[in-house]
Amino acid sequence: MDLPLYEKIADQIELQVRDGIFAPGTKIPSVRKSSKQLHVSVATILQAYSLLEDRGIIKARPQKGYFVQETLLESGTSNEKALAQTDKPIAQLIETFLQQHAGEDITRFSSSVPSTQFLPVRQLQRSVGRLMRLEPEVCVDYSEAQGSEHLRRQIAIRMLDAGYKVQPDDILITLGCQNAIIHSLQALTKPGDFVAVESPTYHGILQALELLELKAIEIPCTHNEGMDVKALKAAAESHTIKTIIVTPNYQNPTGATLSTENRQQLLKLSTEKSISIIEDDVYGELCYSDHRPKALLAENTNADITYCCSFSKSIAPGFRVGWIISPLHQSKIEHFSYVSSIATPTLTQTAIANFLENGAYDRHLRKTTSVYEDNLGKCIKAIKQYFPEQTEVSSPLGGFLLWITLPNSINALALHEDAIQSGIGILPGDVFSLGRQFSHHIRINYALPWSNKIEACLKELGELCVKQQKG
C-alpha cells in the first residue's frame, strides 16, 4: 500500500536530518516555504511536521518555527546501536559523534579543546579590532610563505621555555597542529611506509595516516610512562619503520608524560635505527608545575626530530595557528605547505603575536592551568564516588584530558549511546585505535567551567555504567 503524501515528506526530511543536511538545533524550512518548494498544501506540510515531532526529529518553538531536536530519538537499544557502530571506520564514527554532540544542550566532555570561558576571547577581540582599524592593508594581504615574522619571533622566544634555541627563519607557520603533522608525514614518508604511533592515540593521527596511505604500527602507551619503547624496539626489529609519531607531554587521550628513561631510550633507538620522529607537543605548555617539560627536540639536537605544535589548546582553536620546526627537513616541508595553502592568514597570526608579546599569555596560562588542575581533582573525586568500584583513571600532570578505564563488562559505545540521550557527550575508546582494543575506555575533557550541572552529568554517567553492568 502506497504511503500517504505527508508521510513520504516526513521520511524525506528525516533522512535529510540524519544525513546531516539539517544539524541538531538548526531551523528547518517554514511551513509555507516547504509548501512552495514541494508544491503541496500547507495542511500536508503541517501533517508531515506533526509526524516528525511525534518521531522526536523536530520540535516547534512558538513564533519561531520548527527546529531539529538537539538529541534525536533513535530506535533500538544502546547495545544494538553500539553494535551497528562497531564496523564503521574511525573517520565515520567521528563524523557521527560530531553531529550528535553539536547541540547547545549537550555537555561536551567529548571535545579536545577548552570551553571558550578558558580562552582569551576579549583580549583577542580587542587585538583584532585594533589591527583592522590601524593596519587593514596588512591584515588582508598574504603573509610571508613561512608565516608572520612577528609571530615566528615570539614563538622562538617561547621555545626557550621548552629548552630549545631556534631562529625565526627556522620556524614554519601552519594551519594548526594537525596540518603540521600531515605536512611532516608528506615530507618524511611515502605511501605504504610503516609509521609507529602510540596506542591509544589521537584519532586525527589515524585519519592522517589513512589519508596518506601509510600503515600504522600501534605501540602500547600507558598513562604512567607514555609509549612503551621496549615494544617499539621489538616492532622496529620486524618492520622497517619510517617514522614515529609521539606526544611526550600530556598525550591525547591518556594524559601521559613520557618518562625520562623512555625519552632517552626513544632517542637512542631513533638514532640506531635511523628512524625519524614527529613530536606532537600541542599540550606541552599546559603544565601544572612552574616549569614546563622539555621538548624532545631539545634533548638531542642531533636527532632527526620534526617538532609540531599549535595554539589551538591554549589561545584560539578557531584561529588554526600552528608551527613546525624541522632542522633536517624544513625546506621540503615548506614546499608542501606552500603548494597546499600558499600562505596562512595574516590577521590571526598578528593577533596572537601581539598577545604573546605583551606578557598576557603567561598570565593566561597560569590562570587556566590552575583551574584545570583543580577541575581534575574534582573530576577524579566524582568518578570515585559515582562510577563502578573497578573504574580506573589516569593522572595527568598537565593538559585537560582524562582517560577512564571502565570494568570489562561495560561497552563504551553503548555507554555513549545512553549518555547522548541524557545530553552528555563522551568519546569512546574505540576511536583511538585501529584495532578497537579500548572498547571499555572513555576520554573526557575537564576544561569546562565546573558547576553542579557538570557534577550531575558525571553522576549520571556513573549511574549509566552501573545500569549497564546490571544488564
Protein backbone atom coordinates (compact mmCIF):
# COMPACT_ATOMS: atom_id res chain seq x y z
CA MET A 1 0.00 0.00 0.00
CA ASP A 2 1.32 3.42 -1.00
CA LEU A 3 2.23 5.76 1.87
CA PRO A 4 0.25 8.98 2.36
CA LEU A 5 1.96 12.05 0.86
CA TYR A 6 2.58 13.72 4.22
CA GLU A 7 4.38 10.58 5.48
CA LYS A 8 6.61 10.48 2.38
CA ILE A 9 7.53 14.13 3.01
CA ALA A 10 8.25 13.36 6.69
CA ASP A 11 10.51 10.44 5.68
CA GLN A 12 12.35 12.67 3.23
CA ILE A 13 13.01 15.38 5.83
CA GLU A 14 14.05 12.82 8.46
CA LEU A 15 16.59 11.39 6.00
CA GLN A 16 17.97 14.89 5.40
CA VAL A 17 18.35 15.37 9.15
CA ARG A 18 20.09 12.04 9.67
CA ASP A 19 22.39 12.75 6.71
CA GLY A 20 23.48 15.95 8.44
CA ILE A 21 21.90 18.41 5.99
CA PHE A 22 19.97 19.90 8.92
CA ALA A 23 22.17 19.81 12.01
CA PRO A 24 20.83 19.40 15.58
CA GLY A 25 19.37 22.66 16.86
CA THR A 26 19.03 24.26 13.41
CA LYS A 27 15.82 25.61 11.92
CA ILE A 28 14.16 23.72 9.06
CA PRO A 29 12.24 25.50 6.28
CA SER A 30 8.98 27.12 7.38
CA VAL A 31 5.64 25.51 6.63
CA ARG A 32 4.90 28.00 3.85
CA LYS A 33 8.37 27.65 2.30
CA SER A 34 8.17 23.84 2.29
CA SER A 35 4.69 24.07 0.83
CA LYS A 36 6.03 26.14 -2.09
CA GLN A 37 9.18 24.03 -2.55
CA LEU A 38 7.31 20.72 -2.64
CA HIS A 39 4.19 22.04 -4.42
CA VAL A 40 1.82 20.68 -1.77
CA SER A 41 -0.72 22.26 0.54
CA VAL A 42 0.12 23.89 3.87
CA ALA A 43 -2.10 21.30 5.56
CA THR A 44 0.03 18.47 4.14
CA ILE A 45 3.24 20.07 5.44
CA LEU A 46 1.64 20.59 8.86
CA GLN A 47 0.76 16.88 8.95
CA ALA A 48 4.34 15.96 7.98
CA TYR A 49 5.83 18.25 10.64
CA SER A 50 3.46 16.88 13.25
CA LEU A 51 4.60 13.35 12.41
CA LEU A 52 8.26 14.43 12.68
CA GLU A 53 7.51 15.87 16.12
CA ASP A 54 5.99 12.54 17.17
CA ARG A 55 9.13 10.78 15.96
CA GLY A 56 11.33 13.10 18.03
CA ILE A 57 13.05 14.57 14.96
CA ILE A 58 11.90 18.19 15.24
CA LYS A 59 10.22 20.43 17.78
CA ALA A 60 8.09 23.55 17.37
CA ARG A 61 9.10 26.81 19.02
CA PRO A 62 6.24 29.31 19.36
CA GLN A 63 6.57 32.22 16.90
CA LYS A 64 9.98 30.93 15.77
CA GLY A 65 9.28 27.86 13.66
CA TYR A 66 10.41 24.24 13.66
CA PHE A 67 13.89 23.14 14.79
CA VAL A 68 15.80 19.86 14.67
CA GLN A 69 15.94 18.26 18.12
CA GLU A 70 19.26 18.71 19.91
CA THR A 71 19.24 14.99 20.69
CA LEU A 72 17.45 12.76 18.22
CA LEU A 73 15.32 9.86 19.41
CA GLU A 74 16.50 6.63 17.83
CA SER A 75 15.05 3.16 17.72
CA GLY A 76 16.86 0.19 19.19
CA THR A 77 18.66 -0.40 22.47
CA SER A 78 22.01 1.22 23.22
CA ASN A 79 23.74 -2.16 22.78
CA GLU A 80 22.10 -2.65 19.36
CA LYS A 81 23.17 0.81 18.25
CA ALA A 82 26.69 0.24 19.62
CA LEU A 83 26.93 -3.00 17.65
CA ALA A 84 25.93 -1.12 14.49
CA GLN A 85 28.77 1.36 15.12
CA THR A 86 31.44 -1.31 15.60
CA ASP A 87 32.13 -1.88 11.90
CA LYS A 88 32.21 1.79 10.96
CA PRO A 89 35.62 3.30 10.00
CA ILE A 90 37.03 5.65 12.63
CA ALA A 91 36.52 8.69 10.38
CA GLN A 92 32.84 7.84 10.02
CA LEU A 93 32.46 7.26 13.76
CA ILE A 94 34.00 10.66 14.50
CA GLU A 95 31.70 12.38 11.99
CA THR A 96 28.69 10.72 13.64
CA PHE A 97 29.82 11.78 17.11
CA LEU A 98 30.47 15.37 15.99
CA GLN A 99 26.91 15.62 14.69
CA GLN A 100 25.47 14.10 17.85
CA HIS A 101 27.50 16.41 20.12
CA ALA A 102 26.83 19.63 18.19
CA GLY A 103 23.67 20.70 20.01
CA GLU A 104 23.71 23.51 22.53
CA ASP A 105 22.06 21.26 25.11
CA ILE A 106 24.93 18.72 25.04
CA THR A 107 27.54 18.79 27.82
CA ARG A 108 30.63 18.21 25.69
CA PHE A 109 33.05 16.12 27.72
CA SER A 110 33.96 14.75 24.27
CA SER A 111 35.74 17.83 22.96
CA SER A 112 39.53 18.17 22.91
CA VAL A 113 39.53 21.97 23.19
CA PRO A 114 38.79 24.10 26.26
CA SER A 115 35.48 25.80 26.88
CA THR A 116 35.51 29.32 25.44
CA GLN A 117 35.39 30.60 29.04
CA PHE A 118 39.02 29.46 29.33
CA LEU A 119 40.15 31.23 26.15
CA PRO A 120 41.31 34.88 25.96
CA VAL A 121 38.35 35.90 23.81
CA ARG A 122 38.12 39.53 24.97
CA GLN A 123 41.86 40.20 24.54
CA LEU A 124 41.81 38.73 21.03
CA GLN A 125 38.68 40.69 20.16
CA ARG A 126 40.41 43.96 21.11
CA SER A 127 43.56 42.97 19.25
CA VAL A 128 41.73 42.03 16.04
CA GLY A 129 39.64 45.22 16.18
CA ARG A 130 42.73 47.38 16.70
CA LEU A 131 44.55 45.70 13.82
CA MET A 132 41.66 46.15 11.41
CA ARG A 133 41.44 49.84 12.33
CA LEU A 134 45.15 50.66 12.23
CA GLU A 135 46.64 48.16 9.76
CA PRO A 136 43.81 46.95 7.49
CA GLU A 137 46.03 46.53 4.41
CA VAL A 138 48.46 44.30 6.29
CA CYS A 139 45.66 42.15 7.69
CA VAL A 140 44.08 41.33 4.33
CA ASP A 141 47.32 40.73 2.42
CA TYR A 142 49.24 37.45 2.18
CA SER A 143 51.80 36.82 4.90
CA GLU A 144 55.29 35.60 4.06
CA ALA A 145 55.44 32.00 2.85
CA GLN A 146 56.85 30.92 6.25
CA GLY A 147 54.27 32.96 8.11
CA SER A 148 54.35 36.23 10.02
CA GLU A 149 57.88 37.14 11.09
CA HIS A 150 56.43 38.87 14.17
CA LEU A 151 54.77 35.62 15.26
CA ARG A 152 57.81 33.49 14.44
CA ARG A 153 59.95 35.72 16.68
CA GLN A 154 57.51 35.29 19.55
CA ILE A 155 57.45 31.51 19.05
CA ALA A 156 61.26 31.44 19.07
CA ILE A 157 61.16 33.17 22.47
CA ARG A 158 58.61 30.68 23.80
CA MET A 159 60.66 27.72 22.56
CA LEU A 160 63.36 28.75 25.05
CA ASP A 161 60.98 27.58 27.81
CA ALA A 162 60.88 24.19 26.07
CA GLY A 163 64.70 24.12 26.21
CA TYR A 164 65.29 24.74 22.52
CA LYS A 165 67.01 27.67 20.83
CA VAL A 166 65.73 28.38 17.32
CA GLN A 167 65.93 31.23 14.84
CA PRO A 168 62.65 32.71 13.49
CA ASP A 169 63.71 31.76 9.96
CA ASP A 170 63.73 28.10 11.02
CA ILE A 171 60.05 28.14 12.00
CA LEU A 172 57.15 27.49 9.60
CA ILE A 173 53.63 28.64 10.49
CA THR A 174 50.88 26.12 9.68
CA LEU A 175 47.09 25.84 9.82
CA GLY A 176 47.11 24.16 13.23
CA CYS A 177 48.97 21.13 14.58
CA GLN A 178 47.07 18.55 12.50
CA ASN A 179 48.15 20.41 9.37
CA ALA A 180 51.73 20.42 10.69
CA ILE A 181 51.69 16.66 11.27
CA ILE A 182 50.29 15.96 7.80
CA HIS A 183 52.95 18.11 6.12
CA SER A 184 55.62 16.38 8.19
CA LEU A 185 54.35 12.95 7.13
CA GLN A 186 54.29 14.06 3.49
CA ALA A 187 57.93 15.08 3.73
CA LEU A 188 59.16 12.05 5.70
CA THR A 189 57.20 9.15 4.19
CA LYS A 190 55.70 7.72 1.03
CA PRO A 191 52.54 5.60 0.60
CA GLY A 192 52.93 2.11 2.06
CA ASP A 193 55.53 3.10 4.69
CA PHE A 194 55.18 1.94 8.29
CA VAL A 195 54.61 4.62 10.94
CA ALA A 196 54.74 3.84 14.66
CA VAL A 197 52.04 5.52 16.77
CA GLU A 198 51.04 5.41 20.42
CA SER A 199 48.12 3.17 21.29
CA PRO A 200 45.74 4.65 22.24
CA THR A 201 46.44 7.70 20.10
CA TYR A 202 44.62 10.80 18.89
CA HIS A 203 42.11 9.75 16.23
CA GLY A 204 43.24 12.58 13.93
CA ILE A 205 46.62 10.88 13.54
CA LEU A 206 44.98 7.62 12.48
CA GLN A 207 42.91 9.53 9.94
CA ALA A 208 46.02 11.32 8.62
CA LEU A 209 47.80 8.00 8.10
CA GLU A 210 44.79 6.64 6.23
CA LEU A 211 44.66 9.77 4.04
CA LEU A 212 48.34 9.40 3.10
CA GLU A 213 48.07 5.61 2.62
CA LEU A 214 50.52 4.86 5.43
CA LYS A 215 50.48 1.77 7.64
CA ALA A 216 50.13 2.29 11.39
CA ILE A 217 52.01 0.13 13.88
CA GLU A 218 50.37 0.62 17.25
CA ILE A 219 52.76 0.74 20.23
CA PRO A 220 51.26 0.44 23.73
CA CYS A 221 51.10 3.70 25.68
CA THR A 222 50.39 3.74 29.41
CA HIS A 223 49.14 6.77 31.30
CA ASN A 224 52.05 6.44 33.74
CA GLU A 225 55.06 6.32 31.40
CA GLY A 226 53.84 7.01 27.86
CA MET A 227 54.96 4.98 24.85
CA ASP A 228 56.44 1.54 25.62
CA VAL A 229 59.86 1.88 23.99
CA LYS A 230 60.67 -1.81 24.50
CA ALA A 231 57.60 -2.70 22.42
CA LEU A 232 58.67 -0.08 19.87
CA LYS A 233 62.14 -1.65 19.66
CA ALA A 234 60.59 -5.09 19.06
CA ALA A 235 58.39 -3.63 16.30
CA ALA A 236 61.43 -1.99 14.70
CA GLU A 237 63.12 -5.41 14.52
CA SER A 238 60.28 -6.90 12.48
CA HIS A 239 59.22 -3.87 10.40
CA THR A 240 61.02 -1.09 8.56
CA ILE A 241 59.55 1.83 10.49
CA LYS A 242 59.97 5.11 8.65
CA THR A 243 58.88 7.50 11.38
CA ILE A 244 57.48 7.59 14.91
CA ILE A 245 54.71 9.97 15.98
CA VAL A 246 54.85 10.66 19.70
CA THR A 247 53.29 13.12 22.14
CA PRO A 248 55.79 13.24 25.02
CA ASN A 249 53.83 15.73 27.13
CA TYR A 250 50.22 15.13 28.29
CA GLN A 251 49.33 12.75 25.49
CA ASN A 252 45.86 12.60 23.95
CA PRO A 253 43.91 10.61 25.16
CA THR A 254 45.81 9.21 28.17
CA GLY A 255 47.32 12.44 29.51
CA ALA A 256 50.65 10.58 29.79
CA THR A 257 54.04 12.23 30.10
CA LEU A 258 56.86 10.20 28.56
CA SER A 259 59.18 9.13 31.37
CA THR A 260 62.80 10.30 31.43
CA GLU A 261 64.07 6.77 30.78
CA ASN A 262 61.67 6.25 27.88
CA ARG A 263 62.71 9.59 26.34
CA GLN A 264 66.36 8.57 26.42
CA GLN A 265 65.64 5.11 25.03
CA LEU A 266 63.41 6.54 22.29
CA LEU A 267 66.08 8.96 21.13
CA LYS A 268 68.71 6.20 21.23
CA LEU A 269 66.52 3.85 19.17
CA SER A 270 65.75 6.61 16.67
CA THR A 271 69.47 7.18 16.11
CA GLU A 272 70.44 3.50 15.97
CA LYS A 273 67.69 2.56 13.52
CA SER A 274 67.69 5.84 11.55
CA ILE A 275 64.01 6.39 12.30
CA SER A 276 62.71 9.95 12.21
CA ILE A 277 60.47 11.30 14.97
CA ILE A 278 57.46 13.60 14.64
CA GLU A 279 56.95 15.25 18.01
CA ASP A 280 53.42 16.48 18.73
CA ASP A 281 53.76 18.93 21.63
CA VAL A 282 50.36 20.60 21.36
CA TYR A 283 49.64 20.27 25.12
CA GLY A 284 53.21 20.99 26.28
CA GLU A 285 52.59 24.46 27.70
CA LEU A 286 49.60 23.38 29.78
CA CYS A 287 51.66 22.02 32.66
CA TYR A 288 50.58 22.20 36.29
CA SER A 289 54.08 22.84 37.64
CA ASP A 290 56.14 26.03 37.43
CA HIS A 291 58.34 24.74 34.61
CA ARG A 292 57.04 23.03 31.51
CA PRO A 293 58.82 19.81 30.45
CA LYS A 294 61.46 19.98 27.76
CA ALA A 295 60.65 19.21 24.17
CA LEU A 296 62.24 16.04 22.79
CA LEU A 297 63.79 18.29 20.18
CA ALA A 298 65.75 20.00 22.95
CA GLU A 299 67.04 16.76 24.47
CA ASN A 300 69.05 15.73 21.42
CA THR A 301 69.66 18.46 18.87
CA ASN A 302 71.35 15.98 16.51
CA ALA A 303 68.36 13.61 16.32
CA ASP A 304 66.04 13.54 13.31
CA ILE A 305 63.08 15.23 15.01
CA THR A 306 60.32 17.31 13.46
CA TYR A 307 58.52 19.36 16.09
CA CYS A 308 54.82 20.22 15.66
CA CYS A 309 52.73 22.46 17.88
CA SER A 310 49.89 24.99 17.87
CA PHE A 311 47.93 27.50 19.96
CA SER A 312 44.65 25.59 19.49
CA LYS A 313 44.60 24.19 23.03
CA SER A 314 45.53 27.41 24.80
CA ILE A 315 44.53 30.54 22.85
CA ALA A 316 42.12 30.04 19.94
CA PRO A 317 41.17 26.71 18.32
CA GLY A 318 39.32 28.51 15.54
CA PHE A 319 42.35 30.59 14.54
CA ARG A 320 44.13 27.42 13.36
CA VAL A 321 47.65 28.69 14.04
CA GLY A 322 50.40 26.11 14.49
CA TRP A 323 54.05 25.70 13.63
CA ILE A 324 56.79 23.27 12.60
CA ILE A 325 60.49 23.16 13.42
CA SER A 326 62.37 20.54 11.41
CA PRO A 327 66.15 21.08 11.28
CA LEU A 328 66.68 18.31 8.70
CA HIS A 329 63.54 18.58 6.57
CA GLN A 330 62.39 22.21 6.78
CA SER A 331 62.73 23.12 3.08
CA LYS A 332 60.79 20.04 1.93
CA ILE A 333 58.02 20.68 4.46
CA GLU A 334 57.86 24.35 3.41
CA HIS A 335 57.32 23.20 -0.18
CA PHE A 336 54.34 21.02 0.79
CA SER A 337 52.92 23.84 2.89
CA TYR A 338 53.23 26.39 0.07
CA VAL A 339 51.67 24.09 -2.53
CA SER A 340 48.70 23.20 -0.28
CA SER A 341 47.85 26.65 1.12
CA ILE A 342 50.22 29.31 -0.38
CA ALA A 343 50.05 31.32 2.85
CA THR A 344 48.50 31.34 6.30
CA PRO A 345 46.02 34.03 7.50
CA THR A 346 47.79 37.23 8.49
CA LEU A 347 45.14 38.68 10.82
CA THR A 348 45.02 35.73 13.21
CA GLN A 349 48.80 35.37 13.28
CA THR A 350 49.29 39.04 14.12
CA ALA A 351 46.63 38.97 16.81
CA ILE A 352 48.31 36.00 18.50
CA ALA A 353 51.78 37.57 18.14
CA ASN A 354 50.57 40.70 19.94
CA PHE A 355 49.01 38.58 22.69
CA LEU A 356 52.31 36.73 23.19
CA GLU A 357 54.39 39.89 23.12
CA ASN A 358 52.72 41.81 25.93
CA GLY A 359 53.05 39.09 28.58
CA ALA A 360 49.32 38.34 28.71
CA TYR A 361 49.87 34.76 27.52
CA ASP A 362 51.90 33.71 30.55
CA ARG A 363 49.29 35.17 32.89
CA HIS A 364 46.59 33.38 30.92
CA LEU A 365 48.43 30.04 31.17
CA ARG A 366 48.96 30.37 34.93
CA LYS A 367 45.28 31.10 35.45
CA THR A 368 43.86 28.39 33.21
CA THR A 369 46.22 25.57 34.23
CA SER A 370 45.43 26.29 37.88
CA VAL A 371 41.73 25.85 37.12
CA TYR A 372 42.36 22.69 35.06
CA GLU A 373 44.32 21.12 37.89
CA ASP A 374 41.53 21.98 40.32
CA ASN A 375 38.93 20.56 37.92
CA LEU A 376 40.96 17.37 37.57
CA GLY A 377 40.78 16.80 41.32
CA LYS A 378 37.02 17.38 41.33
CA CYS A 379 36.57 15.04 38.35
CA ILE A 380 38.51 12.21 39.95
CA LYS A 381 36.62 12.65 43.21
CA ALA A 382 33.27 12.48 41.39
CA ILE A 383 34.32 9.40 39.41
CA LYS A 384 35.42 7.60 42.57
CA GLN A 385 32.09 8.48 44.18
CA TYR A 386 29.69 7.66 41.33
CA PHE A 387 31.36 5.15 38.97
CA PRO A 388 31.68 1.39 39.50
CA GLU A 389 34.31 0.37 42.03
CA GLN A 390 36.70 -1.16 39.46
CA THR A 391 36.95 2.06 37.43
CA GLU A 392 40.49 3.42 36.94
CA VAL A 393 41.53 6.93 35.90
CA SER A 394 44.74 8.44 34.57
CA SER A 395 46.71 11.07 36.49
CA PRO A 396 47.84 13.75 34.02
CA LEU A 397 50.39 16.37 35.05
CA GLY A 398 49.08 18.85 32.51
CA GLY A 399 46.57 19.33 29.71
CA PHE A 400 42.86 18.75 30.33
CA LEU A 401 42.05 15.21 29.17
CA LEU A 402 41.22 12.28 31.44
CA TRP A 403 41.42 8.62 30.33
CA ILE A 404 38.95 6.40 32.14
CA THR A 405 39.21 2.60 32.19
CA LEU A 406 35.83 1.03 32.92
CA PRO A 407 35.10 -2.53 34.08
CA ASN A 408 35.27 -5.06 31.22
CA SER A 409 31.51 -5.60 31.38
CA ILE A 410 30.87 -2.03 30.20
CA ASN A 411 30.82 -1.26 26.48
CA ALA A 412 31.95 2.32 25.81
CA LEU A 413 29.97 2.66 22.58
CA ALA A 414 26.78 1.54 24.32
CA LEU A 415 27.56 3.94 27.17
CA HIS A 416 27.96 6.72 24.62
CA GLU A 417 24.54 5.97 23.13
CA ASP A 418 22.92 6.07 26.58
CA ALA A 419 24.82 9.24 27.55
CA ILE A 420 23.88 11.18 24.43
CA GLN A 421 20.21 10.54 25.16
CA SER A 422 20.85 12.23 28.52
CA GLY A 423 22.53 15.21 26.86
CA ILE A 424 26.08 14.10 27.70
CA GLY A 425 28.82 13.78 25.08
CA ILE A 426 31.79 11.47 25.74
CA LEU A 427 34.35 9.95 23.39
CA PRO A 428 34.51 6.12 23.43
CA GLY A 429 37.92 4.45 23.38
CA ASP A 430 37.13 2.71 20.07
CA VAL A 431 38.17 5.81 18.08
CA PHE A 432 41.70 5.84 19.50
CA SER A 433 42.90 2.58 17.96
CA LEU A 434 42.53 0.84 14.59
CA GLY A 435 42.22 -2.46 16.44
CA ARG A 436 39.29 -1.19 18.57
CA GLN A 437 41.10 -2.55 21.63
CA PHE A 438 39.82 0.16 24.00
CA SER A 439 36.12 -0.69 23.96
CA HIS A 440 35.93 -0.36 27.77
CA HIS A 441 37.55 3.09 27.91
CA ILE A 442 36.32 6.65 27.51
CA ARG A 443 38.05 10.03 27.31
CA ILE A 444 36.60 13.14 28.90
CA ASN A 445 37.61 16.79 28.79
CA TYR A 446 37.63 18.64 32.11
CA ALA A 447 38.40 22.11 30.69
CA LEU A 448 34.79 23.05 31.37
CA PRO A 449 33.52 25.58 33.93
CA TRP A 450 32.85 23.45 37.00
CA SER A 451 29.25 23.59 38.20
CA ASN A 452 26.53 21.50 39.79
CA LYS A 453 25.48 20.53 36.26
CA ILE A 454 28.94 19.13 35.45
CA GLU A 455 28.96 17.05 38.61
CA ALA A 456 25.39 15.90 37.91
CA CYS A 457 26.48 14.77 34.43
CA LEU A 458 29.36 12.74 35.91
CA LYS A 459 26.93 11.22 38.38
CA GLU A 460 24.59 10.34 35.52
CA LEU A 461 27.48 8.72 33.61
CA GLY A 462 28.36 6.66 36.66
CA GLU A 463 24.75 5.55 37.08
CA LEU A 464 24.59 4.56 33.39
CA CYS A 465 27.72 2.44 33.92
CA VAL A 466 26.16 0.70 36.91
CA LYS A 467 22.93 0.16 34.98
CA GLN A 468 24.83 -1.42 32.08
CA GLN A 469 26.73 -3.67 34.49
CA LYS A 470 23.46 -5.00 35.88
CA GLY A 471 22.19 -5.66 32.36
